[in-house]
Amino acid sequence: MKGMTLHSCLVCYLLAINAVTFIVYGIDKYKAKKAKWRISEATLLLLAVLGGSVGAWVGMKVWHHKTMHKKFKYGIPAILLIQIALMAYLHMNL
């Protein structure tokens, strides 16, 4: 990773975690339709907390998944807003 700045590492991480989160939400929706073993809600929420909140929100919209569950309906946007505020704070203070 020679020459990679902290900023570019963070961007790569966020792109990766959001792509993974989006895909995992799609897989869970597929499993729900096929009545197969599911991905836990805790895992889905953890992915959002770890930086995948955009991927989770887009996954909910695209896959029409978890949209009626209050934990997700209100939790994912709350996590996203907290992460945006944190990023803004860090951007202004670093």
C-alpha atoms as a PDB file:
ATOM      1  CA  MET A   1       0.000   0.000   0.000  1.00  0.00           C
ATOM      2  CA  LYS A   2       2.901   2.327  -0.665  1.00  0.00           C
ATOM      3  CA  GLY A   3       1.691   5.821  -1.389  1.00  0.00           C
ATOM      4  CA  MET A   4      -1.846   5.272  -0.091  1.00  0.00           C
ATOM      5  CA  THR A   5      -3.036   7.988   2.228  1.00  0.00           C
ATOM      6  CA  LEU A   6      -5.336   7.492   5.176  1.00  0.00           C
ATOM      7  CA  HIS A   7      -8.074   9.187   3.142  1.00  0.00           C
ATOM      8  CA  SER A   8      -7.726   6.829   0.174  1.00  0.00           C
ATOM      9  CA  CYS A   9      -7.621   3.800   2.499  1.00  0.00           C
ATOM     10  CA  LEU A  10     -10.835   4.984   4.156  1.00  0.00           C
ATOM     11  CA  VAL A  11     -12.518   5.494   0.782  1.00  0.00           C
ATOM     12  CA  CYS A  12     -11.505   1.971  -0.321  1.00  0.00           C
ATOM     13  CA  TYR A  13     -12.766   0.511   2.961  1.00  0.00           C
ATOM     14  CA  LEU A  14     -16.105   2.313   2.706  1.00  0.00           C
ATOM     15  CA  LEU A  15     -16.603   1.244  -0.908  1.00  0.00           C
ATOM     16  CA  ALA A  16     -15.822  -2.380  -0.002  1.00  0.00           C
ATOM     17  CA  ILE A  17     -17.973  -2.575   3.162  1.00  0.00           C
ATOM     18  CA  ASN A  18     -20.931  -0.946   1.402  1.00  0.00           C
ATOM     19  CA  ALA A  19     -20.660  -3.296  -1.586  1.00  0.00           C
ATOM     20  CA  VAL A  20     -20.476  -6.307   0.746  1.00  0.00           C
ATOM     21  CA  THR A  21     -23.409  -5.044   2.826  1.00  0.00           C
ATOM     22  CA  PHE A  22     -25.558  -4.445  -0.260  1.00  0.00           C
ATOM     23  CA  ILE A  23     -24.822  -7.975  -1.524  1.00  0.00           C
ATOM     24  CA  VAL A  24     -25.473  -9.551   1.895  1.00  0.00           C
ATOM     25  CA  TYR A  25     -28.896  -7.852   2.082  1.00  0.00           C
ATOM     26  CA  GLY A  26     -29.673  -9.270  -1.369  1.00  0.00           C
ATOM     27  CA  ILE A  27     -28.558 -12.751  -0.322  1.00  0.00           C
ATOM     28  CA  ASP A  28     -30.727 -12.588   2.795  1.00  0.00           C
ATOM     29  CA  LYS A  29     -33.740 -11.522   0.731  1.00  0.00           C
ATOM     30  CA  TYR A  30     -33.123 -14.423  -1.658  1.00  0.00           C
ATOM     31  CA  LYS A  31     -32.875 -16.830   1.284  1.00  0.00           C
ATOM     32  CA  ALA A  32     -36.097 -15.413   2.748  1.00  0.00           C
ATOM     33  CA  LYS A  33     -37.961 -16.084  -0.506  1.00  0.00           C
ATOM     34  CA  LYS A  34     -36.598 -19.646  -0.687  1.00  0.00           C
ATOM     35  CA  ALA A  35     -37.278 -20.378   3.007  1.00  0.00           C
ATOM     36  CA  LYS A  36     -33.596 -21.128   3.601  1.00  0.00           C
ATOM     37  CA  TRP A  37     -31.330 -20.491   6.572  1.00  0.00           C
ATOM     38  CA  ARG A  38     -31.076 -16.714   7.040  1.00  0.00           C
ATOM     39  CA  ILE A  39     -28.451 -14.157   7.923  1.00  0.00           C
ATOM     40  CA  SER A  40     -29.104 -12.837  11.432  1.00  0.00           C
ATOM     41  CA  GLU A  41     -30.523  -9.363  11.951  1.00  0.00           C
ATOM     42  CA  ALA A  42     -27.586  -8.662  14.269  1.00  0.00           C
ATOM     43  CA  THR A  43     -25.164  -9.350  11.401  1.00  0.00           C
ATOM     44  CA  LEU A  44     -27.127  -7.137   9.013  1.00  0.00           C
ATOM     45  CA  LEU A  45     -27.126  -4.276  11.524  1.00  0.00           C
ATOM     46  CA  LEU A  46     -23.461  -4.820  12.416  1.00  0.00           C
ATOM     47  CA  LEU A  47     -22.476  -4.428   8.769  1.00  0.00           C
ATOM     48  CA  ALA A  48     -24.239  -1.054   8.755  1.00  0.00           C
ATOM     49  CA  VAL A  49     -22.504   0.033  11.974  1.00  0.00           C
ATOM     50  CA  LEU A  50     -19.113  -0.985  10.569  1.00  0.00           C
ATOM     51  CA  GLY A  51     -19.542   1.555   7.773  1.00  0.00           C
ATOM     52  CA  GLY A  52     -21.966  -0.183   5.438  1.00  0.00           C
ATOM     53  CA  SER A  53     -24.984   1.982   6.211  1.00  0.00           C
ATOM     54  CA  VAL A  54     -25.298   3.271   2.638  1.00  0.00           C
ATOM     55  CA  GLY A  55     -25.134  -0.291   1.295  1.00  0.00           C
ATOM     56  CA  ALA A  56     -27.731  -1.374   3.851  1.00  0.00           C
ATOM     57  CA  TRP A  57     -30.087   1.494   2.985  1.00  0.00           C
ATOM     58  CA  VAL A  58     -29.725   0.925  -0.771  1.00  0.00           C
ATOM     59  CA  GLY A  59     -30.113  -2.838  -0.249  1.00  0.00           C
ATOM     60  CA  MET A  60     -33.327  -2.277   1.674  1.00  0.00           C
ATOM     61  CA  LYS A  61     -34.683  -0.134  -1.168  1.00  0.00           C
ATOM     62  CA  VAL A  62     -33.488  -2.287  -4.088  1.00  0.00           C
ATOM     63  CA  TRP A  63     -34.314  -5.682  -2.593  1.00  0.00           C
ATOM     64  CA  HIS A  64     -37.418  -4.435  -0.691  1.00  0.00           C
ATOM     65  CA  HIS A  65     -35.944  -6.120   2.336  1.00  0.00           C
ATOM     66  CA  LYS A  66     -36.473  -5.367   6.029  1.00  0.00           C
ATOM     67  CA  THR A  67     -38.382  -2.198   5.135  1.00  0.00           C
ATOM     68  CA  MET A  68     -41.173  -2.827   7.664  1.00  0.00           C
ATOM     69  CA  HIS A  69     -38.943  -3.820  10.593  1.00  0.00           C
ATOM     70  CA  LYS A  70     -38.613  -0.819  12.914  1.00  0.00           C
ATOM     71  CA  LYS A  71     -35.010  -1.743  13.780  1.00  0.00           C
ATOM     72  CA  PHE A  72     -34.127  -1.325  10.127  1.00  0.00           C
ATOM     73  CA  LYS A  73     -36.678   1.272   9.003  1.00  0.00           C
ATOM     74  CA  TYR A  74     -35.441   3.753  11.618  1.00  0.00           C
ATOM     75  CA  GLY A  75     -32.121   2.226  12.678  1.00  0.00           C
ATOM     76  CA  ILE A  76     -30.357   2.238   9.308  1.00  0.00           C
ATOM     77  CA  PRO A  77     -31.107   5.933   8.569  1.00  0.00           C
ATOM     78  CA  ALA A  78     -30.053   6.808  12.151  1.00  0.00           C
ATOM     79  CA  ILE A  79     -26.763   4.946  11.735  1.00  0.00           C
ATOM     80  CA  LEU A  80     -26.216   6.657   8.383  1.00  0.00           C
ATOM     81  CA  LEU A  81     -26.836  10.126   9.862  1.00  0.00           C
ATOM     82  CA  ILE A  82     -24.472   9.433  12.767  1.00  0.00           C
ATOM     83  CA  GLN A  83     -21.789   8.257  10.340  1.00  0.00           C
ATOM     84  CA  ILE A  84     -22.232  11.341   8.136  1.00  0.00           C
ATOM     85  CA  ALA A  85     -21.951  13.596  11.201  1.00  0.00           C
ATOM     86  CA  LEU A  86     -18.840  11.723  12.352  1.00  0.00           C
ATOM     87  CA  MET A  87     -17.228  12.013   8.911  1.00  0.00           C
ATOM     88  CA  ALA A  88     -18.021  15.741   8.766  1.00  0.00           C
ATOM     89  CA  TYR A  89     -16.573  16.252  12.239  1.00  0.00           C
ATOM     90  CA  LEU A  90     -13.403  14.341  11.404  1.00  0.00           C
ATOM     91  CA  HIS A  91     -13.039  16.131   8.071  1.00  0.00           C
ATOM     92  CA  MET A  92     -13.243  19.537   9.736  1.00  0.00           C
ATOM     93  CA  ASN A  93     -10.958  18.659  12.658  1.00  0.00           C
ATOM     94  CA  LEU A  94      -8.192  16.605  11.049  1.00  0.00           C
END
